[in-house]
Amino acid sequence: MKYSHYLVLLCLLFSTYCYSQHYQIEDKYRGDPFFRKIDMNKLEKDCTYPENYRQLSESEQEKIDKLCPIRKFNLKFDLKKLYKFIYKEPVIIYNGQNFQLTLSMSENYNIESDGTIYEGDIFLSIVKDNIVKDKIYLANNYINLSDFAAAYQHYFITSEGEINTLYLIEVEEGISPMFWKHYKIDNQKMKFVLQDMLVNVKNGVRYQIIYPNQFNVISNKPVKKIDSQELKLCEDEYDKEEYYSCYVDVYNHYNSRLKQKINLLNKNNNTIKKSYLKLQQKMASSCLELPPPVSGNRGETDPYLSKVMFCLIQNYKQEITNIEKQLAH
């Protein structure tokens, strides 16, 4: 027992060491600390225009604009200045004993007449011996989506080696937070390890994913009961490349049924109790092995959510069938 106790302590110590390194990075590269922790509900509320916004006076509009902390003039960190530092070649922002952190940008960008650079993807890389070991998409100060919509991605790098990114969409009605990611740097494996993310699908539903085994549906609406006809219709039309709101109802339906079956099985079986939480985490762990989206573009997040939910629903259905067989004996 003593040996196993020491082994656990050693594993915990080693795991802590992998992530416990101080990263001294100049403020001009670090990003905006606002993005370290995000309250999507509050951001959505503060950054959505009232219906009469266009009819208000300029001073009244300014008051409303100041309520939204993610408007460019409210942020402390200016991405436009960052482009001037890195657009010619990658810049080392942290030079450690074993590796460097560098900022670089894509070759596809635009320059306005006043020299302002925009529409360039910014990347953060782990470099060792001049070889890029890992790279993540970090920021962009302007992404043209249409005549009426644009997107941005902002970031912040902490001194503990945690990276947070937020993808935003701006339309006539205001600015919406769409996709938040949280990484940690593993300085042993030379990897950016994705810890958790929040995906906003704009219909009152958000998805919280905590790696390696938590998938949570967050909704400001009551759970809708779906009848058998609606259930069949949605399942028959399931498309792994698209995302539809009815998937949430299907997911909630089978999730609820699984809980009911587990409770019934545990009531009938006094010897071995089945844990819904452990079972759900095991299923989520396998489904979350799917590669996560790189950016918050709906063209990436929709297929990902659809595939993960399809995987979970299939697992729930199979487990429900297994439990029903056990109950029949």
C-alpha atoms as a PDB file:
ATOM      1  CA  MET A   1       0.000   0.000   0.000  1.00  0.00           C
ATOM      2  CA  LYS A   2       2.864   2.369   0.828  1.00  0.00           C
ATOM      3  CA  TYR A   3       4.422   1.888  -2.602  1.00  0.00           C
ATOM      4  CA  SER A   4       1.134   2.642  -4.381  1.00  0.00           C
ATOM      5  CA  HIS A   5       0.673   5.732  -2.193  1.00  0.00           C
ATOM      6  CA  TYR A   6       4.119   7.018  -3.136  1.00  0.00           C
ATOM      7  CA  LEU A   7       3.466   6.223  -6.797  1.00  0.00           C
ATOM      8  CA  VAL A   8       0.302   8.334  -6.772  1.00  0.00           C
ATOM      9  CA  LEU A   9       2.175  11.218  -5.173  1.00  0.00           C
ATOM     10  CA  LEU A  10       4.950  10.893  -7.762  1.00  0.00           C
ATOM     11  CA  CYS A  11       2.453  10.923 -10.635  1.00  0.00           C
ATOM     12  CA  LEU A  12       0.740  13.992  -9.227  1.00  0.00           C
ATOM     13  CA  LEU A  13       4.084  15.716  -8.762  1.00  0.00           C
ATOM     14  CA  PHE A  14       5.159  14.927 -12.318  1.00  0.00           C
ATOM     15  CA  SER A  15       1.813  16.044 -13.728  1.00  0.00           C
ATOM     16  CA  THR A  16       2.092  19.323 -11.839  1.00  0.00           C
ATOM     17  CA  TYR A  17       5.636  19.818 -13.110  1.00  0.00           C
ATOM     18  CA  CYS A  18       4.498  19.430 -16.706  1.00  0.00           C
ATOM     19  CA  TYR A  19       2.267  22.456 -16.364  1.00  0.00           C
ATOM     20  CA  SER A  20       3.997  24.466 -13.583  1.00  0.00           C
ATOM     21  CA  GLN A  21       6.354  26.754 -15.445  1.00  0.00           C
ATOM     22  CA  HIS A  22       6.453  30.512 -15.307  1.00  0.00           C
ATOM     23  CA  TYR A  23       6.181  32.217 -18.691  1.00  0.00           C
ATOM     24  CA  GLN A  24       7.531  35.745 -18.728  1.00  0.00           C
ATOM     25  CA  ILE A  25       5.944  37.301 -21.811  1.00  0.00           C
ATOM     26  CA  GLU A  26       5.859  40.988 -22.650  1.00  0.00           C
ATOM     27  CA  ASP A  27       2.437  42.615 -22.414  1.00  0.00           C
ATOM     28  CA  LYS A  28       2.553  43.570 -26.098  1.00  0.00           C
ATOM     29  CA  TYR A  29       2.348  39.841 -26.952  1.00  0.00           C
ATOM     30  CA  ARG A  30       0.263  38.469 -24.083  1.00  0.00           C
ATOM     31  CA  GLY A  31      -3.214  39.527 -25.240  1.00  0.00           C
ATOM     32  CA  ASP A  32      -6.119  40.909 -23.229  1.00  0.00           C
ATOM     33  CA  PRO A  33      -6.685  39.541 -19.674  1.00  0.00           C
ATOM     34  CA  PHE A  34     -10.431  39.943 -20.152  1.00  0.00           C
ATOM     35  CA  PHE A  35     -10.496  36.685 -22.136  1.00  0.00           C
ATOM     36  CA  ARG A  36      -9.084  34.605 -19.308  1.00  0.00           C
ATOM     37  CA  LYS A  37     -12.564  33.845 -17.993  1.00  0.00           C
ATOM     38  CA  ILE A  38     -15.768  34.260 -19.980  1.00  0.00           C
ATOM     39  CA  ASP A  39     -19.399  34.609 -18.931  1.00  0.00           C
ATOM     40  CA  MET A  40     -21.156  34.054 -22.243  1.00  0.00           C
ATOM     41  CA  ASN A  41     -24.609  34.863 -20.887  1.00  0.00           C
ATOM     42  CA  LYS A  42     -23.501  38.254 -19.601  1.00  0.00           C
ATOM     43  CA  LEU A  43     -21.521  39.030 -22.759  1.00  0.00           C
ATOM     44  CA  GLU A  44     -24.494  38.156 -24.935  1.00  0.00           C
ATOM     45  CA  LYS A  45     -26.717  40.429 -22.864  1.00  0.00           C
ATOM     46  CA  ASP A  46     -24.256  43.350 -22.650  1.00  0.00           C
ATOM     47  CA  CYS A  47     -23.306  43.250 -26.320  1.00  0.00           C
ATOM     48  CA  THR A  48     -26.745  42.925 -27.953  1.00  0.00           C
ATOM     49  CA  TYR A  49     -28.272  46.186 -29.156  1.00  0.00           C
ATOM     50  CA  PRO A  50     -31.763  47.179 -28.007  1.00  0.00           C
ATOM     51  CA  GLU A  51     -34.336  47.154 -30.815  1.00  0.00           C
ATOM     52  CA  ASN A  52     -34.416  50.952 -30.996  1.00  0.00           C
ATOM     53  CA  TYR A  53     -30.614  51.325 -31.102  1.00  0.00           C
ATOM     54  CA  ARG A  54     -30.565  52.841 -34.628  1.00  0.00           C
ATOM     55  CA  GLN A  55     -33.100  55.463 -33.617  1.00  0.00           C
ATOM     56  CA  LEU A  56     -31.094  56.634 -30.594  1.00  0.00           C
ATOM     57  CA  SER A  57     -28.851  59.681 -30.549  1.00  0.00           C
ATOM     58  CA  GLU A  58     -25.104  59.289 -30.965  1.00  0.00           C
ATOM     59  CA  SER A  59     -24.454  59.943 -27.262  1.00  0.00           C
ATOM     60  CA  GLU A  60     -27.073  57.361 -26.252  1.00  0.00           C
ATOM     61  CA  GLN A  61     -25.523  54.810 -28.615  1.00  0.00           C
ATOM     62  CA  GLU A  62     -22.111  55.476 -27.088  1.00  0.00           C
ATOM     63  CA  LYS A  63     -23.460  54.721 -23.611  1.00  0.00           C
ATOM     64  CA  ILE A  64     -24.785  51.375 -24.846  1.00  0.00           C
ATOM     65  CA  ASP A  65     -21.519  50.612 -26.670  1.00  0.00           C
ATOM     66  CA  LYS A  66     -19.532  51.142 -23.466  1.00  0.00           C
ATOM     67  CA  LEU A  67     -21.551  48.399 -21.747  1.00  0.00           C
ATOM     68  CA  CYS A  68     -20.029  45.816 -24.097  1.00  0.00           C
ATOM     69  CA  PRO A  69     -16.487  45.004 -22.857  1.00  0.00           C
ATOM     70  CA  ILE A  70     -15.467  43.226 -26.054  1.00  0.00           C
ATOM     71  CA  ARG A  71     -15.901  46.189 -28.386  1.00  0.00           C
ATOM     72  CA  LYS A  72     -12.502  47.169 -29.745  1.00  0.00           C
ATOM     73  CA  PHE A  73     -12.385  50.545 -28.024  1.00  0.00           C
ATOM     74  CA  ASN A  74     -13.155  48.884 -24.650  1.00  0.00           C
ATOM     75  CA  LEU A  75     -10.320  46.354 -24.844  1.00  0.00           C
ATOM     76  CA  LYS A  76      -6.896  47.124 -23.401  1.00  0.00           C
ATOM     77  CA  PHE A  77      -4.984  45.054 -25.961  1.00  0.00           C
ATOM     78  CA  ASP A  78      -4.878  46.245 -29.582  1.00  0.00           C
ATOM     79  CA  LEU A  79      -4.468  43.406 -32.109  1.00  0.00           C
ATOM     80  CA  LYS A  80      -3.623  45.907 -34.851  1.00  0.00           C
ATOM     81  CA  LYS A  81      -0.342  46.732 -33.127  1.00  0.00           C
ATOM     82  CA  LEU A  82       0.524  43.055 -32.757  1.00  0.00           C
ATOM     83  CA  TYR A  83       0.390  42.520 -36.519  1.00  0.00           C
ATOM     84  CA  LYS A  84       3.151  45.086 -37.036  1.00  0.00           C
ATOM     85  CA  PHE A  85       5.477  43.044 -34.813  1.00  0.00           C
ATOM     86  CA  ILE A  86       4.963  39.661 -36.459  1.00  0.00           C
ATOM     87  CA  TYR A  87       3.834  40.045 -40.078  1.00  0.00           C
ATOM     88  CA  LYS A  88       7.349  39.832 -41.546  1.00  0.00           C
ATOM     89  CA  GLU A  89       8.563  36.781 -39.612  1.00  0.00           C
ATOM     90  CA  PRO A  90       7.740  34.758 -36.471  1.00  0.00           C
ATOM     91  CA  VAL A  91       8.635  36.433 -33.181  1.00  0.00           C
ATOM     92  CA  ILE A  92       9.905  34.560 -30.111  1.00  0.00           C
ATOM     93  CA  ILE A  93       7.794  35.699 -27.160  1.00  0.00           C
ATOM     94  CA  TYR A  94       9.206  33.210 -24.641  1.00  0.00           C
ATOM     95  CA  ASN A  95      12.676  31.694 -24.719  1.00  0.00           C
ATOM     96  CA  GLY A  96      12.963  28.797 -22.267  1.00  0.00           C
ATOM     97  CA  GLN A  97      15.744  26.305 -21.633  1.00  0.00           C
ATOM     98  CA  ASN A  98      14.188  23.579 -23.784  1.00  0.00           C
ATOM     99  CA  PHE A  99      11.820  25.357 -26.154  1.00  0.00           C
ATOM    100  CA  GLN A 100      10.450  28.679 -27.377  1.00  0.00           C
ATOM    101  CA  LEU A 101       6.978  30.099 -27.850  1.00  0.00           C
ATOM    102  CA  THR A 102       6.578  32.005 -31.098  1.00  0.00           C
ATOM    103  CA  LEU A 103       3.882  34.139 -32.686  1.00  0.00           C
ATOM    104  CA  SER A 104       3.434  34.014 -36.442  1.00  0.00           C
ATOM    105  CA  MET A 105       0.771  34.852 -38.986  1.00  0.00           C
ATOM    106  CA  SER A 106      -0.580  33.478 -42.225  1.00  0.00           C
ATOM    107  CA  GLU A 107       0.529  34.810 -45.577  1.00  0.00           C
ATOM    108  CA  ASN A 108      -3.058  35.652 -46.468  1.00  0.00           C
ATOM    109  CA  TYR A 109      -3.706  39.131 -45.092  1.00  0.00           C
ATOM    110  CA  ASN A 110      -4.635  42.604 -46.286  1.00  0.00           C
ATOM    111  CA  ILE A 111      -3.026  46.000 -45.756  1.00  0.00           C
ATOM    112  CA  GLU A 112      -5.050  49.210 -45.794  1.00  0.00           C
ATOM    113  CA  SER A 113      -3.721  52.486 -47.218  1.00  0.00           C
ATOM    114  CA  ASP A 114      -2.680  53.668 -43.745  1.00  0.00           C
ATOM    115  CA  GLY A 115      -0.597  50.519 -43.207  1.00  0.00           C
ATOM    116  CA  THR A 116      -3.116  48.726 -40.965  1.00  0.00           C
ATOM    117  CA  ILE A 117      -2.912  44.952 -41.375  1.00  0.00           C
ATOM    118  CA  TYR A 118      -6.086  42.889 -41.046  1.00  0.00           C
ATOM    119  CA  GLU A 119      -7.576  39.490 -41.987  1.00  0.00           C
ATOM    120  CA  GLY A 120      -4.452  37.567 -41.033  1.00  0.00           C
ATOM    121  CA  ASP A 121      -4.604  34.424 -38.890  1.00  0.00           C
ATOM    122  CA  ILE A 122      -2.219  34.570 -35.921  1.00  0.00           C
ATOM    123  CA  PHE A 123      -0.729  31.335 -34.537  1.00  0.00           C
ATOM    124  CA  LEU A 124       1.076  30.389 -31.351  1.00  0.00           C
ATOM    125  CA  SER A 125       3.721  27.676 -31.726  1.00  0.00           C
ATOM    126  CA  ILE A 126       5.946  25.564 -29.495  1.00  0.00           C
ATOM    127  CA  VAL A 127       9.378  25.404 -31.160  1.00  0.00           C
ATOM    128  CA  LYS A 128      12.316  23.188 -30.178  1.00  0.00           C
ATOM    129  CA  ASP A 129      15.601  23.107 -32.138  1.00  0.00           C
ATOM    130  CA  ASN A 130      13.945  25.204 -34.872  1.00  0.00           C
ATOM    131  CA  ILE A 131      11.208  22.598 -35.329  1.00  0.00           C
ATOM    132  CA  VAL A 132       7.539  23.442 -34.663  1.00  0.00           C
ATOM    133  CA  LYS A 133       6.294  20.807 -32.209  1.00  0.00           C
ATOM    134  CA  ASP A 134       2.734  22.079 -31.914  1.00  0.00           C
ATOM    135  CA  LYS A 135       0.677  25.036 -33.102  1.00  0.00           C
ATOM    136  CA  ILE A 136      -2.717  26.550 -32.288  1.00  0.00           C
ATOM    137  CA  TYR A 137      -4.884  29.185 -33.964  1.00  0.00           C
ATOM    138  CA  LEU A 138      -4.753  32.208 -31.683  1.00  0.00           C
ATOM    139  CA  ALA A 139      -6.332  35.337 -33.164  1.00  0.00           C
ATOM    140  CA  ASN A 140      -7.591  37.394 -36.071  1.00  0.00           C
ATOM    141  CA  ASN A 141      -8.597  41.072 -35.920  1.00  0.00           C
ATOM    142  CA  TYR A 142     -11.152  40.818 -38.745  1.00  0.00           C
ATOM    143  CA  ILE A 143     -12.844  37.990 -40.642  1.00  0.00           C
ATOM    144  CA  ASN A 144     -15.325  39.001 -43.336  1.00  0.00           C
ATOM    145  CA  LEU A 145     -18.364  36.703 -43.226  1.00  0.00           C
ATOM    146  CA  SER A 146     -20.774  38.707 -45.394  1.00  0.00           C
ATOM    147  CA  ASP A 147     -21.936  42.241 -46.103  1.00  0.00           C
ATOM    148  CA  PHE A 148     -23.703  42.220 -42.735  1.00  0.00           C
ATOM    149  CA  ALA A 149     -21.467  40.078 -40.549  1.00  0.00           C
ATOM    150  CA  ALA A 150     -17.847  39.906 -39.431  1.00  0.00           C
ATOM    151  CA  ALA A 151     -15.910  37.794 -36.921  1.00  0.00           C
ATOM    152  CA  TYR A 152     -12.929  38.266 -34.637  1.00  0.00           C
ATOM    153  CA  GLN A 153     -10.821  36.052 -32.419  1.00  0.00           C
ATOM    154  CA  HIS A 154      -9.055  37.386 -29.324  1.00  0.00           C
ATOM    155  CA  TYR A 155      -6.775  35.706 -26.788  1.00  0.00           C
ATOM    156  CA  PHE A 156      -4.827  35.869 -23.548  1.00  0.00           C
ATOM    157  CA  ILE A 157      -1.719  33.957 -22.425  1.00  0.00           C
ATOM    158  CA  THR A 158      -1.206  33.696 -18.656  1.00  0.00           C
ATOM    159  CA  SER A 159       2.138  33.551 -16.860  1.00  0.00           C
ATOM    160  CA  GLU A 160       1.227  29.961 -15.883  1.00  0.00           C
ATOM    161  CA  GLY A 161       1.127  28.882 -19.521  1.00  0.00           C
ATOM    162  CA  GLU A 162      -2.642  28.852 -19.986  1.00  0.00           C
ATOM    163  CA  ILE A 163      -4.071  30.134 -23.266  1.00  0.00           C
ATOM    164  CA  ASN A 164      -7.648  31.325 -23.708  1.00  0.00           C
ATOM    165  CA  THR A 165      -9.224  32.238 -27.043  1.00  0.00           C
ATOM    166  CA  LEU A 166     -12.644  33.667 -27.864  1.00  0.00           C
ATOM    167  CA  TYR A 167     -14.262  33.723 -31.314  1.00  0.00           C
ATOM    168  CA  LEU A 168     -16.877  36.490 -31.752  1.00  0.00           C
ATOM    169  CA  ILE A 169     -19.402  37.292 -34.455  1.00  0.00           C
ATOM    170  CA  GLU A 170     -20.624  40.849 -35.059  1.00  0.00           C
ATOM    171  CA  VAL A 171     -23.908  41.490 -36.867  1.00  0.00           C
ATOM    172  CA  GLU A 172     -26.348  44.402 -36.975  1.00  0.00           C
ATOM    173  CA  GLU A 173     -27.923  43.248 -33.701  1.00  0.00           C
ATOM    174  CA  GLY A 174     -24.613  43.320 -31.813  1.00  0.00           C
ATOM    175  CA  ILE A 175     -21.670  41.060 -30.942  1.00  0.00           C
ATOM    176  CA  SER A 176     -22.070  37.431 -29.851  1.00  0.00           C
ATOM    177  CA  PRO A 177     -19.449  35.212 -28.159  1.00  0.00           C
ATOM    178  CA  MET A 178     -19.442  31.953 -30.110  1.00  0.00           C
ATOM    179  CA  PHE A 179     -16.498  29.768 -29.177  1.00  0.00           C
ATOM    180  CA  TRP A 180     -14.192  29.866 -26.136  1.00  0.00           C
ATOM    181  CA  LYS A 181     -11.175  27.588 -25.722  1.00  0.00           C
ATOM    182  CA  HIS A 182      -8.825  26.996 -22.818  1.00  0.00           C
ATOM    183  CA  TYR A 183      -5.426  25.336 -23.315  1.00  0.00           C
ATOM    184  CA  LYS A 184      -2.472  24.506 -21.098  1.00  0.00           C
ATOM    185  CA  ILE A 185       1.123  24.065 -22.223  1.00  0.00           C
ATOM    186  CA  ASP A 186       2.613  20.640 -21.511  1.00  0.00           C
ATOM    187  CA  ASN A 187       6.331  21.455 -21.516  1.00  0.00           C
ATOM    188  CA  GLN A 188       7.311  17.781 -21.368  1.00  0.00           C
ATOM    189  CA  LYS A 189       5.325  16.574 -24.380  1.00  0.00           C
ATOM    190  CA  MET A 190       5.726  19.947 -26.157  1.00  0.00           C
ATOM    191  CA  LYS A 191       1.966  20.142 -26.706  1.00  0.00           C
ATOM    192  CA  PHE A 192      -0.890  22.563 -26.276  1.00  0.00           C
ATOM    193  CA  VAL A 193      -3.400  20.495 -24.293  1.00  0.00           C
ATOM    194  CA  LEU A 194      -7.034  21.510 -24.757  1.00  0.00           C
ATOM    195  CA  GLN A 195      -8.653  21.595 -21.304  1.00  0.00           C
ATOM    196  CA  ASP A 196     -12.181  22.799 -22.008  1.00  0.00           C
ATOM    197  CA  MET A 197     -14.314  24.795 -24.408  1.00  0.00           C
ATOM    198  CA  LEU A 198     -17.712  26.469 -24.677  1.00  0.00           C
ATOM    199  CA  VAL A 199     -19.705  26.463 -27.918  1.00  0.00           C
ATOM    200  CA  ASN A 200     -22.636  28.851 -28.394  1.00  0.00           C
ATOM    201  CA  VAL A 201     -25.166  27.834 -31.057  1.00  0.00           C
ATOM    202  CA  LYS A 202     -27.273  31.010 -30.817  1.00  0.00           C
ATOM    203  CA  ASN A 203     -30.629  29.432 -29.934  1.00  0.00           C
ATOM    204  CA  GLY A 204     -30.342  29.592 -26.158  1.00  0.00           C
ATOM    205  CA  VAL A 205     -28.181  26.469 -26.052  1.00  0.00           C
ATOM    206  CA  ARG A 206     -24.483  26.195 -25.254  1.00  0.00           C
ATOM    207  CA  TYR A 207     -22.214  23.194 -24.993  1.00  0.00           C
ATOM    208  CA  GLN A 208     -19.574  22.877 -22.307  1.00  0.00           C
ATOM    209  CA  ILE A 209     -16.879  20.326 -22.999  1.00  0.00           C
ATOM    210  CA  ILE A 210     -14.309  19.516 -20.318  1.00  0.00           C
ATOM    211  CA  TYR A 211     -11.661  17.065 -21.398  1.00  0.00           C
ATOM    212  CA  PRO A 212     -11.338  14.168 -21.278  1.00  0.00           C
ATOM    213  CA  ASN A 213     -14.848  13.078 -20.285  1.00  0.00           C
ATOM    214  CA  GLN A 214     -17.464  15.772 -19.681  1.00  0.00           C
ATOM    215  CA  PHE A 215     -20.104  16.913 -22.162  1.00  0.00           C
ATOM    216  CA  ASN A 216     -22.770  19.266 -20.800  1.00  0.00           C
ATOM    217  CA  VAL A 217     -25.743  20.904 -22.493  1.00  0.00           C
ATOM    218  CA  ILE A 218     -26.430  24.348 -20.999  1.00  0.00           C
ATOM    219  CA  SER A 219     -29.816  25.828 -21.888  1.00  0.00           C
ATOM    220  CA  ASN A 220     -31.819  28.779 -20.621  1.00  0.00           C
ATOM    221  CA  LYS A 221     -34.986  27.020 -21.773  1.00  0.00           C
ATOM    222  CA  PRO A 222     -36.897  24.214 -20.015  1.00  0.00           C
ATOM    223  CA  VAL A 223     -36.235  20.695 -21.284  1.00  0.00           C
ATOM    224  CA  LYS A 224     -38.715  19.934 -24.036  1.00  0.00           C
ATOM    225  CA  LYS A 225     -40.447  16.583 -24.120  1.00  0.00           C
ATOM    226  CA  ILE A 226     -40.264  15.124 -27.602  1.00  0.00           C
ATOM    227  CA  ASP A 227     -42.993  12.786 -28.832  1.00  0.00           C
ATOM    228  CA  SER A 228     -42.260   9.564 -30.720  1.00  0.00           C
ATOM    229  CA  GLN A 229     -43.078  11.053 -34.124  1.00  0.00           C
ATOM    230  CA  GLU A 230     -40.756  14.042 -33.631  1.00  0.00           C
ATOM    231  CA  LEU A 231     -38.084  11.721 -32.274  1.00  0.00           C
ATOM    232  CA  LYS A 232     -38.202   9.466 -35.316  1.00  0.00           C
ATOM    233  CA  LEU A 233     -38.287  12.388 -37.747  1.00  0.00           C
ATOM    234  CA  CYS A 234     -35.204  13.997 -36.221  1.00  0.00           C
ATOM    235  CA  GLU A 235     -33.279  10.715 -36.027  1.00  0.00           C
ATOM    236  CA  ASP A 236     -34.172   9.782 -39.605  1.00  0.00           C
ATOM    237  CA  GLU A 237     -32.806  13.097 -40.844  1.00  0.00           C
ATOM    238  CA  TYR A 238     -29.674  13.076 -38.685  1.00  0.00           C
ATOM    239  CA  ASP A 239     -26.805  14.602 -40.617  1.00  0.00           C
ATOM    240  CA  LYS A 240     -23.316  14.395 -39.165  1.00  0.00           C
ATOM    241  CA  GLU A 241     -22.238  17.429 -41.162  1.00  0.00           C
ATOM    242  CA  GLU A 242     -25.090  19.707 -40.044  1.00  0.00           C
ATOM    243  CA  TYR A 243     -26.520  20.768 -36.721  1.00  0.00           C
ATOM    244  CA  TYR A 244     -30.230  21.178 -35.923  1.00  0.00           C
ATOM    245  CA  SER A 245     -31.913  22.288 -32.714  1.00  0.00           C
ATOM    246  CA  CYS A 246     -33.928  19.060 -32.473  1.00  0.00           C
ATOM    247  CA  TYR A 247     -30.686  17.168 -31.709  1.00  0.00           C
ATOM    248  CA  VAL A 248     -30.793  18.663 -28.216  1.00  0.00           C
ATOM    249  CA  ASP A 249     -34.284  17.244 -27.668  1.00  0.00           C
ATOM    250  CA  VAL A 250     -33.192  13.822 -28.910  1.00  0.00           C
ATOM    251  CA  TYR A 251     -30.108  13.924 -26.690  1.00  0.00           C
ATOM    252  CA  ASN A 252     -32.156  14.957 -23.636  1.00  0.00           C
ATOM    253  CA  HIS A 253     -34.699  12.223 -24.369  1.00  0.00           C
ATOM    254  CA  TYR A 254     -32.177   9.376 -24.374  1.00  0.00           C
ATOM    255  CA  ASN A 255     -30.185  10.888 -21.544  1.00  0.00           C
ATOM    256  CA  SER A 256     -33.339  10.978 -19.402  1.00  0.00           C
ATOM    257  CA  ARG A 257     -34.302   7.430 -20.386  1.00  0.00           C
ATOM    258  CA  LEU A 258     -30.840   6.164 -19.483  1.00  0.00           C
ATOM    259  CA  LYS A 259     -31.090   7.710 -16.009  1.00  0.00           C
ATOM    260  CA  GLN A 260     -34.517   6.115 -15.519  1.00  0.00           C
ATOM    261  CA  LYS A 261     -33.292   2.674 -16.610  1.00  0.00           C
ATOM    262  CA  ILE A 262     -30.225   2.869 -14.342  1.00  0.00           C
ATOM    263  CA  ASN A 263     -32.404   3.861 -11.375  1.00  0.00           C
ATOM    264  CA  LEU A 264     -34.767   0.975 -12.088  1.00  0.00           C
ATOM    265  CA  LEU A 265     -31.884  -1.492 -12.435  1.00  0.00           C
ATOM    266  CA  ASN A 266     -30.306  -0.319  -9.179  1.00  0.00           C
ATOM    267  CA  LYS A 267     -33.675  -0.597  -7.411  1.00  0.00           C
ATOM    268  CA  ASN A 268     -34.024  -4.217  -8.566  1.00  0.00           C
ATOM    269  CA  ASN A 269     -30.396  -5.116  -7.866  1.00  0.00           C
ATOM    270  CA  ASN A 270     -29.217  -4.823  -4.266  1.00  0.00           C
ATOM    271  CA  THR A 271     -25.696  -6.113  -4.854  1.00  0.00           C
ATOM    272  CA  ILE A 272     -24.119  -4.142  -7.699  1.00  0.00           C
ATOM    273  CA  LYS A 273     -25.060  -0.521  -8.278  1.00  0.00           C
ATOM    274  CA  LYS A 274     -24.517   1.077 -11.677  1.00  0.00           C
ATOM    275  CA  SER A 275     -23.305   4.694 -11.636  1.00  0.00           C
ATOM    276  CA  TYR A 276     -24.910   6.975 -14.197  1.00  0.00           C
ATOM    277  CA  LEU A 277     -22.127   9.554 -13.814  1.00  0.00           C
ATOM    278  CA  LYS A 278     -19.301   7.071 -14.407  1.00  0.00           C
ATOM    279  CA  LEU A 279     -21.144   5.521 -17.342  1.00  0.00           C
ATOM    280  CA  GLN A 280     -21.890   8.926 -18.891  1.00  0.00           C
ATOM    281  CA  GLN A 281     -18.258  10.025 -18.505  1.00  0.00           C
ATOM    282  CA  LYS A 282     -17.036   6.794 -20.089  1.00  0.00           C
ATOM    283  CA  MET A 283     -19.297   7.362 -23.101  1.00  0.00           C
ATOM    284  CA  ALA A 284     -18.314  11.028 -23.355  1.00  0.00           C
ATOM    285  CA  SER A 285     -14.634  10.110 -23.199  1.00  0.00           C
ATOM    286  CA  SER A 286     -14.889   7.943 -26.316  1.00  0.00           C
ATOM    287  CA  CYS A 287     -16.979  10.502 -28.225  1.00  0.00           C
ATOM    288  CA  LEU A 288     -14.701  13.418 -27.331  1.00  0.00           C
ATOM    289  CA  GLU A 289     -11.781  11.715 -29.046  1.00  0.00           C
ATOM    290  CA  LEU A 290     -13.085  13.344 -32.237  1.00  0.00           C
ATOM    291  CA  PRO A 291     -10.786  16.209 -33.334  1.00  0.00           C
ATOM    292  CA  PRO A 292     -12.185  19.511 -31.966  1.00  0.00           C
ATOM    293  CA  PRO A 293     -12.854  22.498 -34.244  1.00  0.00           C
ATOM    294  CA  VAL A 294      -9.912  24.791 -34.957  1.00  0.00           C
ATOM    295  CA  SER A 295     -11.990  27.979 -35.054  1.00  0.00           C
ATOM    296  CA  GLY A 296     -15.481  29.072 -34.085  1.00  0.00           C
ATOM    297  CA  ASN A 297     -16.700  29.167 -37.673  1.00  0.00           C
ATOM    298  CA  ARG A 298     -20.066  27.375 -37.847  1.00  0.00           C
ATOM    299  CA  GLY A 299     -18.703  25.380 -40.774  1.00  0.00           C
ATOM    300  CA  GLU A 300     -16.382  23.709 -38.235  1.00  0.00           C
ATOM    301  CA  THR A 301     -18.392  23.717 -35.019  1.00  0.00           C
ATOM    302  CA  ASP A 302     -21.650  22.394 -36.505  1.00  0.00           C
ATOM    303  CA  PRO A 303     -20.207  19.130 -37.898  1.00  0.00           C
ATOM    304  CA  TYR A 304     -18.254  18.595 -34.681  1.00  0.00           C
ATOM    305  CA  LEU A 305     -21.310  19.019 -32.438  1.00  0.00           C
ATOM    306  CA  SER A 306     -23.397  16.845 -34.706  1.00  0.00           C
ATOM    307  CA  LYS A 307     -20.835  14.009 -34.678  1.00  0.00           C
ATOM    308  CA  VAL A 308     -20.318  14.155 -30.908  1.00  0.00           C
ATOM    309  CA  MET A 309     -24.054  14.172 -30.183  1.00  0.00           C
ATOM    310  CA  PHE A 310     -24.680  11.370 -32.661  1.00  0.00           C
ATOM    311  CA  CYS A 311     -21.945   9.323 -30.952  1.00  0.00           C
ATOM    312  CA  LEU A 312     -23.403   9.969 -27.488  1.00  0.00           C
ATOM    313  CA  ILE A 313     -26.974   9.216 -28.557  1.00  0.00           C
ATOM    314  CA  GLN A 314     -25.923   5.911 -30.131  1.00  0.00           C
ATOM    315  CA  ASN A 315     -24.055   4.988 -26.935  1.00  0.00           C
ATOM    316  CA  TYR A 316     -27.067   5.888 -24.785  1.00  0.00           C
ATOM    317  CA  LYS A 317     -29.404   3.825 -26.946  1.00  0.00           C
ATOM    318  CA  GLN A 318     -27.088   0.816 -26.789  1.00  0.00           C
ATOM    319  CA  GLU A 319     -26.752   1.033 -23.008  1.00  0.00           C
ATOM    320  CA  ILE A 320     -30.531   1.399 -22.614  1.00  0.00           C
ATOM    321  CA  THR A 321     -30.949  -1.793 -24.659  1.00  0.00           C
ATOM    322  CA  ASN A 322     -28.364  -3.591 -22.486  1.00  0.00           C
ATOM    323  CA  ILE A 323     -30.123  -2.553 -19.283  1.00  0.00           C
ATOM    324  CA  GLU A 324     -33.515  -3.585 -20.613  1.00  0.00           C
ATOM    325  CA  LYS A 325     -32.091  -7.079 -21.294  1.00  0.00           C
ATOM    326  CA  GLN A 326     -30.801  -7.243 -17.717  1.00  0.00           C
ATOM    327  CA  LEU A 327     -34.173  -6.161 -16.358  1.00  0.00           C
ATOM    328  CA  ALA A 328     -35.938  -8.837 -18.438  1.00  0.00           C
ATOM    329  CA  HIS A 329     -34.057 -11.641 -16.643  1.00  0.00           C
END
